[in-house]
Amino acid sequence: MDRKMANRKLIRLSQLKHKLATENLEEIDWVTFGVIVKKVTPQSANNGRTFSIWRLNDLRDLSACVSLFLFGEVHKEHWKTDQGTV
């Protein structure tokens, strides 16, 4: 993990909203980790394509969740991922 994180900045998911407002994250090599705390049943968009929504949390602040929308190949590959997965 030390090798993978070399020269990268860890931003906790619960800090993401603040960091987006105060820093230019496009100029930083950063990573975050999240746990799938809730999955919405896959839904169909107006164009007929199916997508998934996951609610992610870093388990530090349970009120600060991030919604992740999965479309296309990402949805097809990952929609069965279990709740509780990091």
N, C-alpha and C. Protein backbone atom coordinates (compact mmCIF):
# COMPACT_ATOMS: atom_id res chain seq x y z
N MET A 1 0.82 -1.19 0.00
CA MET A 1 0.00 0.00 0.00
C MET A 1 0.87 1.26 0.00
N ASP A 2 1.99 1.22 0.72
CA ASP A 2 2.89 2.37 0.74
C ASP A 2 3.37 2.71 -0.67
N ARG A 3 3.68 1.69 -1.45
CA ARG A 3 4.14 1.91 -2.82
C ARG A 3 3.04 2.52 -3.68
N LYS A 4 1.83 2.02 -3.54
CA LYS A 4 0.70 2.53 -4.32
C LYS A 4 0.34 3.97 -3.94
N MET A 5 0.56 4.32 -2.67
CA MET A 5 0.18 5.64 -2.18
C MET A 5 1.31 6.67 -2.32
N ALA A 6 2.49 6.24 -2.75
CA ALA A 6 3.62 7.17 -2.89
C ALA A 6 3.23 8.35 -3.78
N ASN A 7 3.50 9.55 -3.30
CA ASN A 7 3.23 10.80 -4.02
C ASN A 7 1.75 11.07 -4.25
N ARG A 8 0.90 10.41 -3.52
CA ARG A 8 -0.55 10.65 -3.62
C ARG A 8 -1.06 11.18 -2.29
N LYS A 9 -2.12 11.96 -2.37
CA LYS A 9 -2.73 12.53 -1.17
C LYS A 9 -4.01 11.77 -0.85
N LEU A 10 -4.14 11.32 0.39
CA LEU A 10 -5.37 10.65 0.84
C LEU A 10 -6.36 11.72 1.27
N ILE A 11 -7.53 11.68 0.68
CA ILE A 11 -8.62 12.57 1.09
C ILE A 11 -9.76 11.68 1.55
N ARG A 12 -10.11 11.83 2.82
CA ARG A 12 -11.22 11.03 3.36
C ARG A 12 -12.52 11.42 2.64
N LEU A 13 -13.37 10.46 2.43
CA LEU A 13 -14.63 10.70 1.75
C LEU A 13 -15.44 11.77 2.48
N SER A 14 -15.38 11.77 3.82
CA SER A 14 -16.13 12.75 4.60
C SER A 14 -15.55 14.16 4.46
N GLN A 15 -14.34 14.29 3.91
CA GLN A 15 -13.71 15.60 3.70
C GLN A 15 -13.86 16.08 2.25
N LEU A 16 -14.37 15.25 1.39
CA LEU A 16 -14.36 15.52 -0.04
C LEU A 16 -15.09 16.82 -0.39
N LYS A 17 -16.27 17.05 0.15
CA LYS A 17 -17.03 18.26 -0.18
C LYS A 17 -16.22 19.51 0.18
N HIS A 18 -15.62 19.51 1.36
CA HIS A 18 -14.81 20.66 1.79
C HIS A 18 -13.59 20.83 0.89
N LYS A 19 -12.91 19.74 0.57
CA LYS A 19 -11.71 19.80 -0.26
C LYS A 19 -12.04 20.29 -1.67
N LEU A 20 -13.17 19.87 -2.22
CA LEU A 20 -13.57 20.33 -3.55
C LEU A 20 -13.82 21.83 -3.57
N ALA A 21 -14.32 22.36 -2.45
CA ALA A 21 -14.61 23.79 -2.37
C ALA A 21 -13.36 24.63 -2.11
N THR A 22 -12.34 24.05 -1.49
CA THR A 22 -11.19 24.86 -1.06
C THR A 22 -9.89 24.57 -1.79
N GLU A 23 -9.82 23.47 -2.54
CA GLU A 23 -8.58 23.10 -3.22
C GLU A 23 -8.87 22.77 -4.68
N ASN A 24 -7.87 22.91 -5.53
CA ASN A 24 -8.00 22.52 -6.92
C ASN A 24 -7.52 21.07 -7.04
N LEU A 25 -8.44 20.14 -6.88
CA LEU A 25 -8.08 18.72 -6.87
C LEU A 25 -7.66 18.21 -8.24
N GLU A 26 -7.93 18.96 -9.29
CA GLU A 26 -7.51 18.54 -10.62
C GLU A 26 -6.00 18.59 -10.76
N GLU A 27 -5.35 19.34 -9.91
CA GLU A 27 -3.89 19.47 -9.98
C GLU A 27 -3.17 18.56 -8.97
N ILE A 28 -3.92 17.75 -8.25
CA ILE A 28 -3.36 16.88 -7.22
C ILE A 28 -3.64 15.42 -7.57
N ASP A 29 -2.66 14.55 -7.35
CA ASP A 29 -2.88 13.11 -7.50
C ASP A 29 -3.40 12.61 -6.16
N TRP A 30 -4.71 12.38 -6.08
CA TRP A 30 -5.33 12.03 -4.80
C TRP A 30 -6.16 10.75 -4.93
N VAL A 31 -6.39 10.13 -3.78
CA VAL A 31 -7.20 8.92 -3.71
C VAL A 31 -8.15 9.03 -2.53
N THR A 32 -9.19 8.23 -2.58
CA THR A 32 -10.11 8.13 -1.46
C THR A 32 -10.57 6.69 -1.36
N PHE A 33 -11.06 6.32 -0.21
CA PHE A 33 -11.59 4.99 0.02
C PHE A 33 -13.00 5.12 0.55
N GLY A 34 -13.86 4.18 0.18
CA GLY A 34 -15.22 4.22 0.67
C GLY A 34 -15.78 2.81 0.81
N VAL A 35 -16.76 2.72 1.68
CA VAL A 35 -17.49 1.47 1.90
C VAL A 35 -18.88 1.66 1.31
N ILE A 36 -19.36 0.65 0.58
CA ILE A 36 -20.73 0.71 0.06
C ILE A 36 -21.67 0.49 1.24
N VAL A 37 -22.34 1.56 1.67
CA VAL A 37 -23.25 1.44 2.81
C VAL A 37 -24.70 1.23 2.37
N LYS A 38 -24.99 1.54 1.11
CA LYS A 38 -26.34 1.31 0.60
C LYS A 38 -26.28 1.18 -0.91
N LYS A 39 -27.06 0.26 -1.44
CA LYS A 39 -27.19 0.09 -2.88
C LYS A 39 -28.66 0.23 -3.25
N VAL A 40 -28.91 1.02 -4.28
CA VAL A 40 -30.26 1.16 -4.81
C VAL A 40 -30.43 0.10 -5.89
N THR A 41 -31.58 -0.53 -5.96
CA THR A 41 -31.85 -1.52 -7.00
C THR A 41 -31.59 -0.89 -8.37
N PRO A 42 -30.87 -1.59 -9.26
CA PRO A 42 -30.59 -1.02 -10.58
C PRO A 42 -31.86 -0.47 -11.23
N GLN A 43 -31.69 0.67 -11.89
CA GLN A 43 -32.81 1.38 -12.50
C GLN A 43 -32.55 1.59 -13.98
N SER A 44 -33.61 1.92 -14.71
CA SER A 44 -33.49 2.21 -16.14
C SER A 44 -33.59 3.71 -16.36
N ALA A 45 -32.67 4.23 -17.16
CA ALA A 45 -32.69 5.65 -17.54
C ALA A 45 -33.73 5.84 -18.64
N ASN A 46 -33.99 7.09 -18.99
CA ASN A 46 -34.95 7.39 -20.06
C ASN A 46 -34.56 6.77 -21.38
N ASN A 47 -33.26 6.56 -21.60
CA ASN A 47 -32.80 5.97 -22.85
C ASN A 47 -32.84 4.45 -22.82
N GLY A 48 -33.34 3.85 -21.71
CA GLY A 48 -33.48 2.41 -21.61
C GLY A 48 -32.27 1.69 -21.04
N ARG A 49 -31.17 2.40 -20.82
CA ARG A 49 -29.98 1.78 -20.27
C ARG A 49 -30.08 1.69 -18.74
N THR A 50 -29.54 0.62 -18.22
CA THR A 50 -29.61 0.37 -16.78
C THR A 50 -28.40 0.98 -16.09
N PHE A 51 -28.63 1.47 -14.87
CA PHE A 51 -27.55 2.04 -14.07
C PHE A 51 -27.78 1.70 -12.61
N SER A 52 -26.75 1.85 -11.81
CA SER A 52 -26.82 1.59 -10.37
C SER A 52 -26.40 2.84 -9.61
N ILE A 53 -26.87 2.93 -8.37
CA ILE A 53 -26.46 4.00 -7.48
C ILE A 53 -25.97 3.36 -6.18
N TRP A 54 -24.77 3.73 -5.78
CA TRP A 54 -24.22 3.30 -4.50
C TRP A 54 -24.06 4.51 -3.61
N ARG A 55 -24.31 4.34 -2.31
CA ARG A 55 -23.98 5.37 -1.33
C ARG A 55 -22.72 4.90 -0.61
N LEU A 56 -21.70 5.74 -0.65
CA LEU A 56 -20.40 5.42 -0.08
C LEU A 56 -20.13 6.26 1.15
N ASN A 57 -19.40 5.69 2.11
CA ASN A 57 -19.04 6.39 3.34
C ASN A 57 -17.68 5.90 3.79
N ASP A 58 -16.95 6.74 4.52
CA ASP A 58 -15.63 6.34 5.03
C ASP A 58 -15.70 5.82 6.47
N LEU A 59 -16.89 5.69 7.01
CA LEU A 59 -17.17 5.20 8.36
C LEU A 59 -16.63 6.12 9.46
N ARG A 60 -16.19 7.31 9.09
CA ARG A 60 -15.76 8.30 10.08
C ARG A 60 -16.94 9.20 10.44
N ASP A 61 -17.69 9.64 9.45
CA ASP A 61 -18.85 10.50 9.65
C ASP A 61 -20.00 9.89 8.87
N LEU A 62 -20.86 9.16 9.56
CA LEU A 62 -21.93 8.41 8.87
C LEU A 62 -22.97 9.30 8.22
N SER A 63 -22.96 10.60 8.53
CA SER A 63 -23.92 11.50 7.89
C SER A 63 -23.38 12.05 6.57
N ALA A 64 -22.10 11.82 6.28
CA ALA A 64 -21.48 12.35 5.06
C ALA A 64 -21.28 11.24 4.05
N CYS A 65 -22.29 10.99 3.24
CA CYS A 65 -22.21 9.96 2.20
C CYS A 65 -22.04 10.62 0.84
N VAL A 66 -21.47 9.87 -0.08
CA VAL A 66 -21.31 10.29 -1.46
C VAL A 66 -22.08 9.29 -2.31
N SER A 67 -22.88 9.80 -3.23
CA SER A 67 -23.60 8.92 -4.16
C SER A 67 -22.75 8.72 -5.40
N LEU A 68 -22.59 7.47 -5.78
CA LEU A 68 -21.81 7.10 -6.96
C LEU A 68 -22.75 6.44 -7.95
N PHE A 69 -22.83 7.01 -9.15
CA PHE A 69 -23.68 6.47 -10.20
C PHE A 69 -22.83 5.63 -11.15
N LEU A 70 -23.26 4.41 -11.42
CA LEU A 70 -22.52 3.50 -12.29
C LEU A 70 -23.31 3.29 -13.58
N PHE A 71 -22.68 3.60 -14.71
CA PHE A 71 -23.32 3.47 -16.01
C PHE A 71 -22.49 2.57 -16.91
N GLY A 72 -23.08 2.12 -18.00
CA GLY A 72 -22.37 1.41 -19.06
C GLY A 72 -21.63 0.17 -18.58
N GLU A 73 -20.39 0.03 -19.06
CA GLU A 73 -19.57 -1.14 -18.73
C GLU A 73 -19.27 -1.23 -17.24
N VAL A 74 -19.11 -0.09 -16.59
CA VAL A 74 -18.85 -0.10 -15.14
C VAL A 74 -20.04 -0.71 -14.41
N HIS A 75 -21.24 -0.32 -14.80
CA HIS A 75 -22.44 -0.91 -14.19
C HIS A 75 -22.48 -2.42 -14.45
N LYS A 76 -22.28 -2.82 -15.69
CA LYS A 76 -22.34 -4.24 -16.05
C LYS A 76 -21.34 -5.07 -15.26
N GLU A 77 -20.16 -4.51 -15.05
CA GLU A 77 -19.10 -5.25 -14.37
C GLU A 77 -19.27 -5.28 -12.84
N HIS A 78 -19.84 -4.24 -12.27
CA HIS A 78 -19.82 -4.11 -10.81
C HIS A 78 -21.18 -4.10 -10.10
N TRP A 79 -22.30 -4.18 -10.81
CA TRP A 79 -23.58 -4.00 -10.15
C TRP A 79 -23.89 -5.04 -9.09
N LYS A 80 -23.25 -6.20 -9.16
CA LYS A 80 -23.48 -7.25 -8.16
C LYS A 80 -22.58 -7.14 -6.94
N THR A 81 -21.71 -6.12 -6.89
CA THR A 81 -20.80 -5.95 -5.75
C THR A 81 -21.64 -5.82 -4.48
N ASP A 82 -21.21 -6.53 -3.44
CA ASP A 82 -21.97 -6.58 -2.19
C ASP A 82 -21.88 -5.29 -1.38
N GLN A 83 -22.98 -4.97 -0.74
CA GLN A 83 -22.97 -3.88 0.24
C GLN A 83 -21.96 -4.25 1.33
N GLY A 84 -21.21 -3.27 1.81
CA GLY A 84 -20.17 -3.52 2.80
C GLY A 84 -18.78 -3.67 2.20
N THR A 85 -18.71 -3.73 0.87
CA THR A 85 -17.42 -3.85 0.19
C THR A 85 -16.70 -2.51 0.21
N VAL A 86 -15.37 -2.57 0.37
CA VAL A 86 -14.56 -1.36 0.35
C VAL A 86 -14.11 -1.10 -1.07
